Amino acid sequence: MIVGLTGGIATGKSSISAALVELGAYLIDADVIAREVVAPGTEGLRQIVNTFGAMYVQRDGSLHRDRLGQLVFQDEEARNKLNEIVHPLVRAEMWRRARDYVGKDASRIAILDVPLLIEGGTHRQVDVTVLVYASAVEQLKRLMKRNGLDEVNASRRIAAQISIEEKRAYADILVNNQGEEREVPRLAHTLYQHLKYLAKKGAQVDGKFDRSVVQPFVIQ
């Protein structure tokens, strides 16, 4: 069973992910892969150099992230070009790892940690979609504290994403992470147990997963 895990900015998705790993979950982090596919010597870095120039590579052969980041922040066309290079490479590697792990046994669980799971349409390809959420007020409070932002800039960052309310419509499992950090292990444990239940119940002899066993579920 392949699970898509997502959330909004400052909803605590990363904390839930880390707790799932501690419980033994096999987790594939899209952000980590995004760094790997542009490492020195990769096809991703070669395409970036061909598109943007050698000035975006440092002396040690690694990507000059700060310089490229400044460019794509200011230039939408450049940002789109970068996404066209990186996103297909990330998706291909992410799915390769997930399918290699699950193989023909749908009772095995691979969790894809993808910040833009819904925005990118990946939720349509996974067996189960999990959304970690918190209220807009809580998101704002956490983001201001975590990043040292004022209310205006924090609000802009939140508004740049699809709202949590919109994302909820696409989720099979909702994890209410509105509370304190100490609640995270309990939430992650409940989530992992439910995922294992679904994987066992939905696994078919041909290696596929029967999505009819998935019903709306809220963890809080």
N, C-alpha and C. Protein backbone atom coordinates (compact mmCIF):
# COMPACT_ATOMS: atom_id res chain seq x y z
N MET A 1 0.85 -1.19 0.00
CA MET A 1 0.00 0.00 0.00
C MET A 1 0.88 1.24 0.00
N ILE A 2 0.59 2.16 -0.90
CA ILE A 2 1.36 3.39 -0.99
C ILE A 2 0.52 4.54 -0.44
N VAL A 3 1.08 5.22 0.55
CA VAL A 3 0.37 6.28 1.27
C VAL A 3 1.00 7.62 0.93
N GLY A 4 0.16 8.60 0.67
CA GLY A 4 0.63 9.97 0.47
C GLY A 4 0.38 10.77 1.74
N LEU A 5 1.42 11.34 2.30
CA LEU A 5 1.32 12.14 3.52
C LEU A 5 1.61 13.59 3.19
N THR A 6 0.69 14.47 3.55
CA THR A 6 0.89 15.89 3.27
C THR A 6 0.30 16.74 4.38
N GLY A 7 0.41 18.04 4.22
CA GLY A 7 -0.10 18.97 5.23
C GLY A 7 0.04 20.37 4.68
N GLY A 8 -0.18 21.35 5.53
CA GLY A 8 0.06 22.73 5.15
C GLY A 8 1.27 23.23 5.90
N ILE A 9 1.72 24.41 5.56
CA ILE A 9 2.86 25.00 6.24
C ILE A 9 2.55 25.17 7.73
N ALA A 10 3.46 24.73 8.57
CA ALA A 10 3.34 24.86 10.04
C ALA A 10 2.17 24.06 10.63
N THR A 11 1.79 22.97 9.97
CA THR A 11 0.77 22.10 10.56
C THR A 11 1.39 20.95 11.36
N GLY A 12 2.70 20.79 11.25
CA GLY A 12 3.38 19.74 12.01
C GLY A 12 3.55 18.44 11.27
N LYS A 13 3.47 18.48 9.93
CA LYS A 13 3.64 17.26 9.14
C LYS A 13 5.01 16.62 9.37
N SER A 14 6.04 17.45 9.44
CA SER A 14 7.39 16.92 9.63
C SER A 14 7.54 16.20 10.96
N SER A 15 6.86 16.70 11.98
CA SER A 15 6.90 16.05 13.30
C SER A 15 6.21 14.69 13.24
N ILE A 16 5.08 14.63 12.55
CA ILE A 16 4.37 13.36 12.38
C ILE A 16 5.23 12.39 11.58
N SER A 17 5.88 12.86 10.52
CA SER A 17 6.76 12.02 9.70
C SER A 17 7.87 11.41 10.54
N ALA A 18 8.52 12.26 11.34
CA ALA A 18 9.63 11.78 12.17
C ALA A 18 9.15 10.74 13.17
N ALA A 19 7.97 10.95 13.73
CA ALA A 19 7.42 10.00 14.70
C ALA A 19 7.07 8.67 14.02
N LEU A 20 6.59 8.72 12.78
CA LEU A 20 6.28 7.50 12.03
C LEU A 20 7.55 6.69 11.78
N VAL A 21 8.63 7.38 11.44
CA VAL A 21 9.91 6.69 11.21
C VAL A 21 10.37 6.00 12.49
N GLU A 22 10.21 6.66 13.62
CA GLU A 22 10.58 6.06 14.91
C GLU A 22 9.78 4.80 15.19
N LEU A 23 8.56 4.75 14.66
CA LEU A 23 7.71 3.58 14.85
C LEU A 23 8.05 2.46 13.87
N GLY A 24 8.96 2.74 12.94
CA GLY A 24 9.38 1.71 11.99
C GLY A 24 8.81 1.86 10.60
N ALA A 25 8.13 2.96 10.33
CA ALA A 25 7.53 3.17 9.01
C ALA A 25 8.61 3.38 7.95
N TYR A 26 8.34 2.92 6.74
CA TYR A 26 9.22 3.17 5.60
C TYR A 26 8.75 4.46 4.95
N LEU A 27 9.52 5.53 5.12
CA LEU A 27 9.09 6.84 4.66
C LEU A 27 10.03 7.37 3.58
N ILE A 28 9.45 7.88 2.52
CA ILE A 28 10.20 8.45 1.40
C ILE A 28 9.93 9.95 1.39
N ASP A 29 10.97 10.73 1.65
CA ASP A 29 10.84 12.18 1.80
C ASP A 29 11.15 12.87 0.48
N ALA A 30 10.14 13.52 -0.11
CA ALA A 30 10.33 14.18 -1.40
C ALA A 30 11.35 15.30 -1.32
N ASP A 31 11.42 15.99 -0.19
CA ASP A 31 12.39 17.08 -0.04
C ASP A 31 13.83 16.56 -0.06
N VAL A 32 14.04 15.40 0.56
CA VAL A 32 15.38 14.79 0.56
C VAL A 32 15.76 14.36 -0.86
N ILE A 33 14.82 13.75 -1.56
CA ILE A 33 15.09 13.31 -2.93
C ILE A 33 15.37 14.51 -3.84
N ALA A 34 14.67 15.62 -3.60
CA ALA A 34 14.87 16.83 -4.40
C ALA A 34 16.31 17.32 -4.31
N ARG A 35 16.95 17.09 -3.17
CA ARG A 35 18.36 17.45 -3.02
C ARG A 35 19.26 16.42 -3.71
N GLU A 36 18.88 15.17 -3.62
CA GLU A 36 19.70 14.10 -4.19
C GLU A 36 19.76 14.17 -5.72
N VAL A 37 18.64 14.55 -6.35
CA VAL A 37 18.60 14.53 -7.83
C VAL A 37 19.36 15.69 -8.46
N VAL A 38 19.83 16.65 -7.64
CA VAL A 38 20.66 17.74 -8.18
C VAL A 38 22.05 17.74 -7.52
N ALA A 39 22.44 16.61 -6.97
CA ALA A 39 23.77 16.47 -6.36
C ALA A 39 24.83 16.49 -7.47
N PRO A 40 26.10 16.73 -7.11
CA PRO A 40 27.17 16.74 -8.12
C PRO A 40 27.19 15.47 -8.96
N GLY A 41 27.30 15.65 -10.26
CA GLY A 41 27.39 14.52 -11.18
C GLY A 41 26.06 13.96 -11.65
N THR A 42 24.94 14.53 -11.19
CA THR A 42 23.63 14.01 -11.57
C THR A 42 23.11 14.65 -12.85
N GLU A 43 22.15 13.96 -13.46
CA GLU A 43 21.48 14.49 -14.64
C GLU A 43 20.74 15.78 -14.30
N GLY A 44 20.18 15.84 -13.09
CA GLY A 44 19.45 17.04 -12.68
C GLY A 44 20.34 18.27 -12.67
N LEU A 45 21.53 18.14 -12.10
CA LEU A 45 22.45 19.28 -12.05
C LEU A 45 22.92 19.66 -13.45
N ARG A 46 23.14 18.66 -14.29
CA ARG A 46 23.55 18.94 -15.67
C ARG A 46 22.49 19.76 -16.39
N GLN A 47 21.21 19.40 -16.20
CA GLN A 47 20.13 20.14 -16.85
C GLN A 47 20.04 21.57 -16.31
N ILE A 48 20.28 21.74 -15.02
CA ILE A 48 20.25 23.09 -14.43
C ILE A 48 21.34 23.96 -15.04
N VAL A 49 22.54 23.39 -15.18
CA VAL A 49 23.66 24.14 -15.78
C VAL A 49 23.34 24.50 -17.23
N ASN A 50 22.77 23.56 -17.97
CA ASN A 50 22.43 23.81 -19.37
C ASN A 50 21.36 24.89 -19.50
N THR A 51 20.47 24.96 -18.51
CA THR A 51 19.36 25.91 -18.57
C THR A 51 19.72 27.28 -18.02
N PHE A 52 20.43 27.29 -16.90
CA PHE A 52 20.67 28.56 -16.19
C PHE A 52 22.12 29.04 -16.26
N GLY A 53 23.05 28.15 -16.55
CA GLY A 53 24.45 28.54 -16.64
C GLY A 53 25.30 28.01 -15.50
N ALA A 54 26.63 27.97 -15.74
CA ALA A 54 27.57 27.42 -14.77
C ALA A 54 27.72 28.28 -13.53
N MET A 55 27.23 29.51 -13.56
CA MET A 55 27.33 30.39 -12.40
C MET A 55 26.53 29.87 -11.21
N TYR A 56 25.66 28.88 -11.46
CA TYR A 56 24.83 28.33 -10.38
C TYR A 56 25.43 27.05 -9.79
N VAL A 57 26.70 26.81 -10.11
CA VAL A 57 27.43 25.69 -9.51
C VAL A 57 28.61 26.25 -8.72
N GLN A 58 28.81 25.74 -7.52
CA GLN A 58 29.91 26.21 -6.68
C GLN A 58 31.22 25.51 -7.07
N ARG A 59 32.32 25.98 -6.49
CA ARG A 59 33.64 25.44 -6.84
C ARG A 59 33.77 23.95 -6.56
N ASP A 60 33.05 23.48 -5.55
CA ASP A 60 33.14 22.05 -5.21
C ASP A 60 32.23 21.19 -6.08
N GLY A 61 31.57 21.82 -7.06
CA GLY A 61 30.72 21.07 -7.98
C GLY A 61 29.27 20.93 -7.55
N SER A 62 28.93 21.48 -6.39
CA SER A 62 27.55 21.38 -5.89
C SER A 62 26.72 22.58 -6.35
N LEU A 63 25.43 22.41 -6.30
CA LEU A 63 24.50 23.47 -6.70
C LEU A 63 24.61 24.66 -5.76
N HIS A 64 24.65 25.85 -6.34
CA HIS A 64 24.67 27.09 -5.54
C HIS A 64 23.21 27.42 -5.21
N ARG A 65 22.72 26.84 -4.14
CA ARG A 65 21.30 26.93 -3.81
C ARG A 65 20.85 28.36 -3.52
N ASP A 66 21.65 29.10 -2.81
CA ASP A 66 21.26 30.47 -2.47
C ASP A 66 21.11 31.32 -3.72
N ARG A 67 22.06 31.20 -4.61
CA ARG A 67 22.02 32.02 -5.84
C ARG A 67 20.84 31.63 -6.72
N LEU A 68 20.63 30.32 -6.88
CA LEU A 68 19.50 29.87 -7.70
C LEU A 68 18.18 30.22 -7.02
N GLY A 69 18.16 30.12 -5.69
CA GLY A 69 16.96 30.46 -4.94
C GLY A 69 16.55 31.90 -5.13
N GLN A 70 17.53 32.80 -5.15
CA GLN A 70 17.25 34.21 -5.37
C GLN A 70 16.65 34.44 -6.76
N LEU A 71 17.17 33.72 -7.74
CA LEU A 71 16.67 33.86 -9.10
C LEU A 71 15.22 33.41 -9.21
N VAL A 72 14.94 32.21 -8.75
CA VAL A 72 13.59 31.66 -8.94
C VAL A 72 12.56 32.36 -8.05
N PHE A 73 13.00 32.96 -6.96
CA PHE A 73 12.07 33.71 -6.10
C PHE A 73 11.57 34.95 -6.83
N GLN A 74 12.44 35.55 -7.64
CA GLN A 74 12.10 36.80 -8.32
C GLN A 74 11.53 36.59 -9.72
N ASP A 75 11.79 35.44 -10.31
CA ASP A 75 11.46 35.21 -11.72
C ASP A 75 10.58 33.97 -11.86
N GLU A 76 9.31 34.18 -12.16
CA GLU A 76 8.36 33.06 -12.25
C GLU A 76 8.73 32.11 -13.38
N GLU A 77 9.19 32.67 -14.51
CA GLU A 77 9.57 31.82 -15.64
C GLU A 77 10.73 30.90 -15.27
N ALA A 78 11.71 31.46 -14.55
CA ALA A 78 12.85 30.65 -14.10
C ALA A 78 12.40 29.59 -13.11
N ARG A 79 11.47 29.95 -12.24
CA ARG A 79 10.95 29.00 -11.26
C ARG A 79 10.25 27.84 -11.96
N ASN A 80 9.47 28.15 -12.99
CA ASN A 80 8.77 27.10 -13.73
C ASN A 80 9.76 26.19 -14.46
N LYS A 81 10.82 26.78 -15.00
CA LYS A 81 11.84 25.97 -15.68
C LYS A 81 12.54 25.03 -14.70
N LEU A 82 12.84 25.56 -13.52
CA LEU A 82 13.48 24.71 -12.50
C LEU A 82 12.56 23.57 -12.09
N ASN A 83 11.29 23.87 -11.91
CA ASN A 83 10.32 22.84 -11.53
C ASN A 83 10.20 21.77 -12.62
N GLU A 84 10.27 22.20 -13.88
CA GLU A 84 10.19 21.25 -15.00
C GLU A 84 11.38 20.30 -15.03
N ILE A 85 12.50 20.75 -14.48
CA ILE A 85 13.69 19.89 -14.39
C ILE A 85 13.60 18.96 -13.19
N VAL A 86 13.32 19.53 -12.03
CA VAL A 86 13.43 18.79 -10.77
C VAL A 86 12.24 17.87 -10.51
N HIS A 87 11.03 18.35 -10.72
CA HIS A 87 9.85 17.58 -10.33
C HIS A 87 9.75 16.20 -10.98
N PRO A 88 9.96 16.08 -12.31
CA PRO A 88 9.90 14.73 -12.91
C PRO A 88 10.94 13.78 -12.33
N LEU A 89 12.14 14.30 -12.04
CA LEU A 89 13.19 13.46 -11.47
C LEU A 89 12.82 12.99 -10.07
N VAL A 90 12.24 13.89 -9.29
CA VAL A 90 11.82 13.54 -7.93
C VAL A 90 10.71 12.50 -7.97
N ARG A 91 9.71 12.73 -8.83
CA ARG A 91 8.59 11.79 -8.92
C ARG A 91 9.06 10.40 -9.33
N ALA A 92 9.93 10.35 -10.34
CA ALA A 92 10.42 9.05 -10.82
C ALA A 92 11.15 8.29 -9.73
N GLU A 93 12.03 8.97 -9.00
CA GLU A 93 12.79 8.31 -7.94
C GLU A 93 11.90 7.92 -6.77
N MET A 94 10.96 8.78 -6.45
CA MET A 94 10.04 8.52 -5.34
C MET A 94 9.22 7.25 -5.62
N TRP A 95 8.67 7.16 -6.83
CA TRP A 95 7.86 6.00 -7.17
C TRP A 95 8.70 4.74 -7.32
N ARG A 96 9.92 4.89 -7.80
CA ARG A 96 10.80 3.72 -7.91
C ARG A 96 11.03 3.11 -6.53
N ARG A 97 11.34 3.95 -5.55
CA ARG A 97 11.59 3.46 -4.20
C ARG A 97 10.33 2.85 -3.59
N ALA A 98 9.19 3.50 -3.81
CA ALA A 98 7.94 3.00 -3.23
C ALA A 98 7.59 1.63 -3.81
N ARG A 99 7.68 1.50 -5.13
CA ARG A 99 7.30 0.24 -5.77
C ARG A 99 8.30 -0.87 -5.49
N ASP A 100 9.57 -0.50 -5.38
CA ASP A 100 10.57 -1.51 -5.01
C ASP A 100 10.30 -2.05 -3.61
N TYR A 101 9.87 -1.18 -2.72
CA TYR A 101 9.64 -1.59 -1.33
C TYR A 101 8.37 -2.44 -1.22
N VAL A 102 7.30 -1.97 -1.83
CA VAL A 102 6.02 -2.69 -1.72
C VAL A 102 6.05 -3.96 -2.56
N GLY A 103 6.65 -3.87 -3.75
CA GLY A 103 6.71 -5.04 -4.62
C GLY A 103 5.33 -5.54 -4.97
N LYS A 104 5.12 -6.84 -4.80
CA LYS A 104 3.81 -7.43 -5.09
C LYS A 104 3.07 -7.78 -3.80
N ASP A 105 3.44 -7.12 -2.73
CA ASP A 105 2.80 -7.36 -1.44
C ASP A 105 2.18 -6.06 -0.94
N ALA A 106 0.89 -5.86 -1.24
CA ALA A 106 0.22 -4.61 -0.89
C ALA A 106 0.03 -4.43 0.61
N SER A 107 0.37 -5.45 1.40
CA SER A 107 0.27 -5.29 2.85
C SER A 107 1.48 -4.51 3.40
N ARG A 108 2.51 -4.35 2.57
CA ARG A 108 3.66 -3.53 2.97
C ARG A 108 3.31 -2.06 2.74
N ILE A 109 3.79 -1.19 3.61
CA ILE A 109 3.40 0.22 3.56
C ILE A 109 4.59 1.10 3.23
N ALA A 110 4.47 1.85 2.15
CA ALA A 110 5.45 2.88 1.81
C ALA A 110 4.75 4.23 1.94
N ILE A 111 5.33 5.12 2.72
CA ILE A 111 4.72 6.44 2.95
C ILE A 111 5.51 7.50 2.19
N LEU A 112 4.82 8.21 1.30
CA LEU A 112 5.44 9.29 0.55
C LEU A 112 5.16 10.60 1.26
N ASP A 113 6.19 11.25 1.77
CA ASP A 113 6.06 12.54 2.44
C ASP A 113 6.26 13.62 1.38
N VAL A 114 5.14 14.20 0.92
CA VAL A 114 5.19 15.15 -0.20
C VAL A 114 4.46 16.43 0.19
N PRO A 115 5.18 17.54 0.37
CA PRO A 115 4.53 18.80 0.77
C PRO A 115 3.42 19.23 -0.19
N LEU A 116 3.65 19.09 -1.51
CA LEU A 116 2.66 19.52 -2.50
C LEU A 116 1.96 18.32 -3.14
N LEU A 117 1.62 17.35 -2.32
CA LEU A 117 0.99 16.12 -2.80
C LEU A 117 -0.28 16.42 -3.61
N ILE A 118 -1.12 17.29 -3.08
CA ILE A 118 -2.40 17.60 -3.71
C ILE A 118 -2.21 18.58 -4.86
N GLU A 119 -1.40 19.61 -4.64
CA GLU A 119 -1.16 20.60 -5.69
C GLU A 119 -0.58 19.97 -6.94
N GLY A 120 0.27 18.96 -6.76
CA GLY A 120 0.92 18.30 -7.89
C GLY A 120 0.13 17.15 -8.48
N GLY A 121 -1.00 16.80 -7.86
CA GLY A 121 -1.85 15.74 -8.38
C GLY A 121 -1.42 14.33 -7.99
N THR A 122 -0.38 14.21 -7.15
CA THR A 122 0.12 12.88 -6.76
C THR A 122 -0.90 12.13 -5.91
N HIS A 123 -1.81 12.86 -5.26
CA HIS A 123 -2.83 12.20 -4.43
C HIS A 123 -3.70 11.26 -5.25
N ARG A 124 -3.78 11.49 -6.56
CA ARG A 124 -4.60 10.63 -7.42
C ARG A 124 -3.94 9.28 -7.67
N GLN A 125 -2.65 9.19 -7.41
CA GLN A 125 -1.90 7.97 -7.73
C GLN A 125 -1.65 7.08 -6.52
N VAL A 126 -1.75 7.64 -5.32
CA VAL A 126 -1.50 6.84 -4.11
C VAL A 126 -2.75 6.06 -3.72
N ASP A 127 -2.58 5.09 -2.85
CA ASP A 127 -3.72 4.29 -2.38
C ASP A 127 -4.50 5.00 -1.29
N VAL A 128 -3.79 5.71 -0.43
CA VAL A 128 -4.42 6.41 0.70
C VAL A 128 -3.76 7.78 0.85
N THR A 129 -4.57 8.82 1.06
CA THR A 129 -4.05 10.17 1.28
C THR A 129 -4.29 10.58 2.73
N VAL A 130 -3.20 11.01 3.39
CA VAL A 130 -3.27 11.45 4.79
C VAL A 130 -2.94 12.94 4.84
N LEU A 131 -3.78 13.70 5.52
CA LEU A 131 -3.55 15.14 5.68
C LEU A 131 -3.37 15.48 7.15
N VAL A 132 -2.23 16.08 7.47
CA VAL A 132 -1.99 16.60 8.81
C VAL A 132 -2.43 18.06 8.80
N TYR A 133 -3.33 18.42 9.71
CA TYR A 133 -3.86 19.78 9.65
C TYR A 133 -3.92 20.44 11.02
N ALA A 134 -4.02 21.76 10.97
CA ALA A 134 -4.26 22.59 12.15
C ALA A 134 -5.05 23.79 11.64
N SER A 135 -5.66 24.51 12.54
CA SER A 135 -6.46 25.67 12.13
C SER A 135 -5.56 26.76 11.54
N ALA A 136 -6.16 27.65 10.76
CA ALA A 136 -5.41 28.76 10.16
C ALA A 136 -4.78 29.63 11.24
N VAL A 137 -5.49 29.81 12.33
CA VAL A 137 -4.97 30.62 13.44
C VAL A 137 -3.73 29.96 14.04
N GLU A 138 -3.79 28.64 14.22
CA GLU A 138 -2.66 27.91 14.78
C GLU A 138 -1.48 27.90 13.81
N GLN A 139 -1.76 27.73 12.52
CA GLN A 139 -0.71 27.80 11.50
C GLN A 139 0.04 29.13 11.60
N LEU A 140 -0.73 30.21 11.66
CA LEU A 140 -0.14 31.55 11.70
C LEU A 140 0.73 31.73 12.93
N LYS A 141 0.21 31.31 14.06
CA LYS A 141 0.96 31.44 15.32
C LYS A 141 2.27 30.65 15.27
N ARG A 142 2.20 29.41 14.79
CA ARG A 142 3.40 28.57 14.72
C ARG A 142 4.42 29.13 13.74
N LEU A 143 3.95 29.58 12.58
CA LEU A 143 4.86 30.07 11.56
C LEU A 143 5.58 31.34 12.01
N MET A 144 4.86 32.22 12.66
CA MET A 144 5.47 33.45 13.17
C MET A 144 6.55 33.12 14.19
N LYS A 145 6.26 32.16 15.06
CA LYS A 145 7.22 31.78 16.10
C LYS A 145 8.41 31.04 15.50
N ARG A 146 8.14 30.09 14.61
CA ARG A 146 9.20 29.24 14.05
C ARG A 146 10.16 30.01 13.15
N ASN A 147 9.61 30.88 12.30
CA ASN A 147 10.43 31.56 11.30
C ASN A 147 10.75 33.01 11.65
N GLY A 148 10.24 33.47 12.80
CA GLY A 148 10.50 34.85 13.19
C GLY A 148 9.87 35.87 12.26
N LEU A 149 8.69 35.54 11.73
CA LEU A 149 8.02 36.42 10.77
C LEU A 149 6.98 37.29 11.46
N ASP A 150 6.69 38.44 10.84
CA ASP A 150 5.57 39.23 11.34
C ASP A 150 4.28 38.64 10.76
N GLU A 151 3.16 39.12 11.22
CA GLU A 151 1.87 38.53 10.82
C GLU A 151 1.61 38.66 9.33
N VAL A 152 2.00 39.80 8.74
CA VAL A 152 1.75 40.02 7.31
C VAL A 152 2.50 39.01 6.46
N ASN A 153 3.80 38.85 6.72
CA ASN A 153 4.60 37.93 5.91
C ASN A 153 4.24 36.47 6.15
N ALA A 154 3.90 36.14 7.39
CA ALA A 154 3.47 34.77 7.69
C ALA A 154 2.16 34.46 6.97
N SER A 155 1.25 35.42 6.96
CA SER A 155 -0.04 35.24 6.29
C SER A 155 0.15 35.05 4.79
N ARG A 156 1.10 35.77 4.22
CA ARG A 156 1.37 35.64 2.78
C ARG A 156 1.86 34.23 2.44
N ARG A 157 2.72 33.70 3.28
CA ARG A 157 3.25 32.35 3.02
C ARG A 157 2.14 31.31 3.10
N ILE A 158 1.26 31.47 4.07
CA ILE A 158 0.14 30.53 4.20
C ILE A 158 -0.79 30.65 3.01
N ALA A 159 -1.05 31.89 2.58
CA ALA A 159 -1.97 32.13 1.47
C ALA A 159 -1.43 31.64 0.14
N ALA A 160 -0.11 31.45 0.05
CA ALA A 160 0.50 30.99 -1.20
C ALA A 160 0.20 29.52 -1.48
N GLN A 161 -0.28 28.79 -0.47
CA GLN A 161 -0.62 27.38 -0.63
C GLN A 161 -2.13 27.21 -0.70
N ILE A 162 -2.55 26.06 -1.22
CA ILE A 162 -3.97 25.70 -1.13
C ILE A 162 -4.33 25.64 0.35
N SER A 163 -5.48 26.17 0.70
CA SER A 163 -5.86 26.20 2.11
C SER A 163 -6.08 24.79 2.65
N ILE A 164 -5.92 24.66 3.95
CA ILE A 164 -6.15 23.37 4.60
C ILE A 164 -7.58 22.90 4.37
N GLU A 165 -8.52 23.82 4.40
CA GLU A 165 -9.93 23.45 4.19
C GLU A 165 -10.12 22.83 2.81
N GLU A 166 -9.47 23.38 1.80
CA GLU A 166 -9.56 22.80 0.45
C GLU A 166 -8.89 21.43 0.40
N LYS A 167 -7.74 21.30 1.05
CA LYS A 167 -7.02 20.03 1.03
C LYS A 167 -7.81 18.92 1.72
N ARG A 168 -8.57 19.28 2.73
CA ARG A 168 -9.33 18.27 3.48
C ARG A 168 -10.26 17.47 2.58
N ALA A 169 -10.74 18.10 1.53
CA ALA A 169 -11.68 17.42 0.63
C ALA A 169 -11.03 16.26 -0.11
N TYR A 170 -9.70 16.25 -0.20
CA TYR A 170 -8.99 15.21 -0.94
C TYR A 170 -8.44 14.10 -0.04
N ALA A 171 -8.54 14.29 1.26
CA ALA A 171 -7.88 13.36 2.19
C ALA A 171 -8.79 12.20 2.60
N ASP A 172 -8.19 11.03 2.74
CA ASP A 172 -8.90 9.87 3.28
C ASP A 172 -8.80 9.85 4.80
N ILE A 173 -7.64 10.26 5.31
CA ILE A 173 -7.39 10.27 6.75
C ILE A 173 -6.95 11.67 7.16
N LEU A 174 -7.61 12.21 8.17
CA LEU A 174 -7.27 13.52 8.71
C LEU A 174 -6.59 13.35 10.06
N VAL A 175 -5.46 14.01 10.25
CA VAL A 175 -4.76 13.99 11.53
C VAL A 175 -4.82 15.39 12.11
N ASN A 176 -5.60 15.57 13.16
CA ASN A 176 -5.77 16.88 13.79
C ASN A 176 -4.57 17.14 14.71
N ASN A 177 -3.64 17.95 14.21
CA ASN A 177 -2.44 18.26 14.97
C ASN A 177 -2.51 19.68 15.55
N GLN A 178 -3.65 19.99 16.08
CA GLN A 178 -3.91 21.32 16.63
C GLN A 178 -3.25 21.52 18.00
N GLY A 179 -2.97 20.41 18.66
CA GLY A 179 -2.51 20.49 20.05
C GLY A 179 -1.03 20.70 20.22
N GLU A 180 -0.55 20.32 21.40
CA GLU A 180 0.85 20.51 21.76
C GLU A 180 1.74 19.45 21.10
N GLU A 181 3.04 19.74 21.07
CA GLU A 181 4.02 18.83 20.47
C GLU A 181 4.02 17.47 21.15
N ARG A 182 3.72 17.44 22.42
CA ARG A 182 3.74 16.16 23.15
C ARG A 182 2.66 15.20 22.68
N GLU A 183 1.68 15.70 21.92
CA GLU A 183 0.61 14.85 21.40
C GLU A 183 1.04 14.08 20.15
N VAL A 184 2.13 14.52 19.52
CA VAL A 184 2.54 13.95 18.24
C VAL A 184 2.78 12.44 18.28
N PRO A 185 3.52 11.90 19.26
CA PRO A 185 3.74 10.45 19.28
C PRO A 185 2.44 9.65 19.32
N ARG A 186 1.47 10.13 20.08
CA ARG A 186 0.18 9.43 20.16
C ARG A 186 -0.54 9.47 18.82
N LEU A 187 -0.56 10.64 18.19
CA LEU A 187 -1.21 10.78 16.88
C LEU A 187 -0.55 9.88 15.84
N ALA A 188 0.78 9.87 15.84
CA ALA A 188 1.52 9.06 14.86
C ALA A 188 1.28 7.57 15.10
N HIS A 189 1.23 7.16 16.34
CA HIS A 189 0.99 5.75 16.67
C HIS A 189 -0.39 5.32 16.19
N THR A 190 -1.40 6.14 16.45
CA THR A 190 -2.76 5.82 16.01
C THR A 190 -2.82 5.76 14.49
N LEU A 191 -2.16 6.70 13.83
CA LEU A 191 -2.14 6.72 12.37
C LEU A 191 -1.47 5.46 11.82
N TYR A 192 -0.33 5.10 12.36
CA TYR A 192 0.41 3.95 11.84
C TYR A 192 -0.36 2.66 12.05
N GLN A 193 -1.01 2.52 13.19
CA GLN A 193 -1.82 1.33 13.45
C GLN A 193 -2.98 1.24 12.46
N HIS A 194 -3.59 2.38 12.16
CA HIS A 194 -4.71 2.38 11.21
C HIS A 194 -4.22 2.05 9.80
N LEU A 195 -3.07 2.58 9.43
CA LEU A 195 -2.52 2.27 8.11
C LEU A 195 -2.19 0.78 7.98
N LYS A 196 -1.66 0.20 9.03
CA LYS A 196 -1.35 -1.24 9.00
C LYS A 196 -2.64 -2.06 8.88
N TYR A 197 -3.68 -1.60 9.56
CA TYR A 197 -4.98 -2.27 9.46
C TYR A 197 -5.50 -2.22 8.02
N LEU A 198 -5.44 -1.04 7.39
CA LEU A 198 -5.91 -0.88 6.01
C LEU A 198 -5.09 -1.71 5.04
N ALA A 199 -3.77 -1.72 5.24
CA ALA A 199 -2.89 -2.46 4.34
C ALA A 199 -3.19 -3.95 4.38
N LYS A 200 -3.42 -4.46 5.57
CA LYS A 200 -3.72 -5.89 5.72
C LYS A 200 -5.09 -6.22 5.13
N LYS A 201 -6.04 -5.33 5.36
CA LYS A 201 -7.41 -5.58 4.89
C LYS A 201 -7.53 -5.43 3.37
N GLY A 202 -6.77 -4.49 2.81
CA GLY A 202 -6.93 -4.19 1.39
C GLY A 202 -5.99 -4.92 0.46
N ALA A 203 -5.01 -5.65 1.00
CA ALA A 203 -4.05 -6.35 0.15
C ALA A 203 -4.73 -7.48 -0.61
N GLN A 204 -4.48 -7.55 -1.91
CA GLN A 204 -5.06 -8.60 -2.74
C GLN A 204 -3.95 -9.55 -3.21
N VAL A 205 -4.36 -10.74 -3.63
CA VAL A 205 -3.38 -11.77 -3.99
C VAL A 205 -2.55 -11.37 -5.22
N ASP A 206 -3.09 -10.47 -6.06
CA ASP A 206 -2.36 -10.06 -7.26
C ASP A 206 -1.39 -8.92 -6.97
N GLY A 207 -1.28 -8.54 -5.69
CA GLY A 207 -0.35 -7.49 -5.31
C GLY A 207 -0.93 -6.10 -5.34
N LYS A 208 -2.17 -5.98 -5.78
CA LYS A 208 -2.81 -4.66 -5.82
C LYS A 208 -3.50 -4.36 -4.49
N PHE A 209 -3.91 -3.11 -4.34
CA PHE A 209 -4.59 -2.69 -3.12
C PHE A 209 -6.04 -2.35 -3.44
N ASP A 210 -6.95 -2.86 -2.63
CA ASP A 210 -8.38 -2.63 -2.82
C ASP A 210 -8.79 -1.36 -2.07
N ARG A 211 -8.99 -0.28 -2.81
CA ARG A 211 -9.30 1.01 -2.18
C ARG A 211 -10.69 1.05 -1.55
N SER A 212 -11.51 0.08 -1.84
CA SER A 212 -12.87 0.09 -1.28
C SER A 212 -12.86 -0.07 0.24
N VAL A 213 -11.73 -0.53 0.80
CA VAL A 213 -11.65 -0.70 2.26
C VAL A 213 -11.38 0.63 2.96
N VAL A 214 -11.02 1.65 2.18
CA VAL A 214 -10.65 2.95 2.78
C VAL A 214 -11.90 3.78 3.01
N GLN A 215 -12.12 4.15 4.24
CA GLN A 215 -13.24 5.00 4.62
C GLN A 215 -12.70 6.25 5.33
N PRO A 216 -13.44 7.37 5.27
CA PRO A 216 -12.97 8.58 5.96
C PRO A 216 -12.66 8.30 7.43
N PHE A 217 -11.54 8.82 7.90
CA PHE A 217 -11.09 8.53 9.25
C PHE A 217 -10.40 9.77 9.81
N VAL A 218 -10.75 10.13 11.04
CA VAL A 218 -10.18 11.31 11.68
C VAL A 218 -9.45 10.90 12.95
N ILE A 219 -8.21 11.38 13.09
CA ILE A 219 -7.41 11.12 14.29
C ILE A 219 -7.22 12.44 15.01
N GLN A 220 -7.60 12.46 16.29
CA GLN A 220 -7.46 13.71 17.05
C GLN A 220 -7.25 13.44 18.53
